[in-house]
């Protein structure tokens, strides 16, 4: 399945979060942490819908 570049980055960052926590699986909290970091990388600006 083709993912958008941002979705792919979120997956990769979630993998790093899980590995840093020495977890066997990627859990929802790892995605939350990765999305939070992506938001910070954007300068903390709120998403516009």
N, C-alpha and C. Protein backbone atom coordinates (compact mmCIF):
# COMPACT_ATOMS: atom_id res chain seq x y z
N UNK A 1 0.85 -1.17 0.00
CA UNK A 1 0.00 0.00 0.00
C UNK A 1 0.89 1.23 0.00
N UNK A 2 0.56 2.18 -0.84
CA UNK A 2 1.30 3.44 -0.90
C UNK A 2 0.79 4.38 0.18
N UNK A 3 1.72 4.91 0.95
CA UNK A 3 1.38 5.87 2.00
C UNK A 3 1.88 7.24 1.60
N UNK A 4 1.22 8.25 2.13
CA UNK A 4 1.70 9.62 1.88
C UNK A 4 3.05 9.76 2.59
N UNK A 5 3.85 10.70 2.16
CA UNK A 5 5.16 10.90 2.82
C UNK A 5 5.03 11.17 4.32
N UNK A 6 4.03 11.94 4.72
CA UNK A 6 3.87 12.26 6.14
C UNK A 6 3.44 11.01 6.92
N UNK A 7 2.55 10.21 6.34
CA UNK A 7 2.12 8.97 7.00
C UNK A 7 3.28 8.01 7.14
N UNK A 8 4.09 7.90 6.10
CA UNK A 8 5.27 7.04 6.15
C UNK A 8 6.24 7.52 7.23
N UNK A 9 6.41 8.84 7.33
CA UNK A 9 7.30 9.38 8.37
C UNK A 9 6.74 9.09 9.76
N UNK A 10 5.42 9.21 9.93
CA UNK A 10 4.81 8.92 11.23
C UNK A 10 5.04 7.46 11.61
N UNK A 11 4.91 6.54 10.65
CA UNK A 11 5.18 5.12 10.91
C UNK A 11 6.63 4.92 11.35
N UNK A 12 7.55 5.53 10.62
CA UNK A 12 8.96 5.38 10.95
C UNK A 12 9.27 5.93 12.34
N UNK A 13 8.69 7.07 12.65
CA UNK A 13 8.93 7.66 13.96
C UNK A 13 8.29 6.82 15.06
N UNK A 14 7.14 6.23 14.79
CA UNK A 14 6.50 5.34 15.76
C UNK A 14 7.37 4.11 16.01
N UNK A 15 8.02 3.62 14.97
CA UNK A 15 8.94 2.48 15.12
C UNK A 15 10.11 2.86 16.03
N UNK A 16 10.63 4.06 15.83
CA UNK A 16 11.74 4.53 16.67
C UNK A 16 11.29 4.66 18.12
N UNK A 17 10.08 5.21 18.33
CA UNK A 17 9.54 5.35 19.69
C UNK A 17 9.40 3.99 20.36
N UNK A 18 8.88 3.01 19.64
CA UNK A 18 8.70 1.67 20.20
C UNK A 18 10.06 1.04 20.53
N UNK A 19 11.02 1.20 19.64
CA UNK A 19 12.35 0.64 19.88
C UNK A 19 13.02 1.30 21.08
N UNK A 20 12.85 2.62 21.20
CA UNK A 20 13.45 3.34 22.33
C UNK A 20 12.85 2.88 23.66
N UNK A 21 11.59 2.48 23.62
CA UNK A 21 10.92 2.00 24.83
C UNK A 21 11.12 0.49 25.03
N UNK A 22 11.91 -0.11 24.13
CA UNK A 22 12.20 -1.55 24.17
C UNK A 22 10.91 -2.39 24.14
N UNK A 23 9.98 -1.93 23.30
CA UNK A 23 8.71 -2.63 23.14
C UNK A 23 8.79 -3.56 21.93
N UNK A 24 8.07 -4.66 22.01
CA UNK A 24 8.06 -5.62 20.92
C UNK A 24 7.16 -5.15 19.77
N UNK A 25 6.11 -4.42 20.12
CA UNK A 25 5.13 -4.00 19.13
C UNK A 25 4.99 -2.48 19.14
N UNK A 26 4.52 -1.95 18.02
CA UNK A 26 4.19 -0.53 17.94
C UNK A 26 2.78 -0.38 18.50
N UNK A 27 2.66 0.45 19.53
CA UNK A 27 1.38 0.66 20.21
C UNK A 27 0.84 2.05 19.85
N UNK A 28 -0.45 2.29 20.12
CA UNK A 28 -1.03 3.60 19.80
C UNK A 28 -0.27 4.77 20.40
N UNK A 29 0.27 4.59 21.60
CA UNK A 29 1.00 5.70 22.22
C UNK A 29 2.26 6.06 21.44
N UNK A 30 2.82 5.12 20.70
CA UNK A 30 3.99 5.41 19.88
C UNK A 30 3.59 6.29 18.69
N UNK A 31 2.40 6.04 18.13
CA UNK A 31 1.90 6.90 17.05
C UNK A 31 1.58 8.29 17.58
N UNK A 32 1.00 8.35 18.76
CA UNK A 32 0.69 9.65 19.35
C UNK A 32 1.98 10.45 19.55
N UNK A 33 3.00 9.79 20.06
CA UNK A 33 4.29 10.48 20.25
C UNK A 33 4.85 10.94 18.92
N UNK A 34 4.75 10.10 17.89
CA UNK A 34 5.30 10.49 16.58
C UNK A 34 4.51 11.64 15.97
N UNK A 35 3.19 11.64 16.12
CA UNK A 35 2.38 12.73 15.60
C UNK A 35 2.67 14.03 16.33
N UNK A 36 2.90 13.92 17.64
CA UNK A 36 3.25 15.11 18.42
C UNK A 36 4.58 15.68 17.94
N UNK A 37 5.54 14.82 17.69
CA UNK A 37 6.85 15.28 17.21
C UNK A 37 6.75 15.87 15.80
N UNK A 38 5.90 15.28 14.96
CA UNK A 38 5.70 15.86 13.64
C UNK A 38 5.11 17.26 13.75
N UNK A 39 4.17 17.43 14.66
CA UNK A 39 3.57 18.75 14.88
C UNK A 39 4.63 19.75 15.33
N UNK A 40 5.50 19.31 16.23
CA UNK A 40 6.57 20.19 16.70
C UNK A 40 7.52 20.55 15.56
N UNK A 41 7.77 19.61 14.67
CA UNK A 41 8.65 19.86 13.53
C UNK A 41 8.04 20.91 12.59
N UNK A 42 6.72 20.99 12.56
CA UNK A 42 6.03 21.98 11.73
C UNK A 42 6.00 23.34 12.41
N UNK A 43 6.58 23.43 13.58
CA UNK A 43 6.62 24.71 14.27
C UNK A 43 5.46 24.89 15.23
N UNK A 44 4.75 23.79 15.52
CA UNK A 44 3.67 23.84 16.49
C UNK A 44 2.40 24.49 15.98
N UNK A 45 2.33 24.78 14.69
CA UNK A 45 1.13 25.42 14.17
C UNK A 45 -0.03 24.43 14.15
N UNK A 46 -1.20 24.91 14.39
CA UNK A 46 -2.39 24.06 14.42
C UNK A 46 -2.74 23.64 12.99
N UNK A 47 -3.28 22.43 12.88
CA UNK A 47 -3.71 21.94 11.58
C UNK A 47 -4.92 22.73 11.13
N UNK A 48 -4.98 23.06 9.86
CA UNK A 48 -6.15 23.77 9.34
C UNK A 48 -6.99 22.80 8.53
N UNK A 49 -8.27 22.86 8.79
CA UNK A 49 -9.20 21.94 8.10
C UNK A 49 -10.12 22.70 7.19
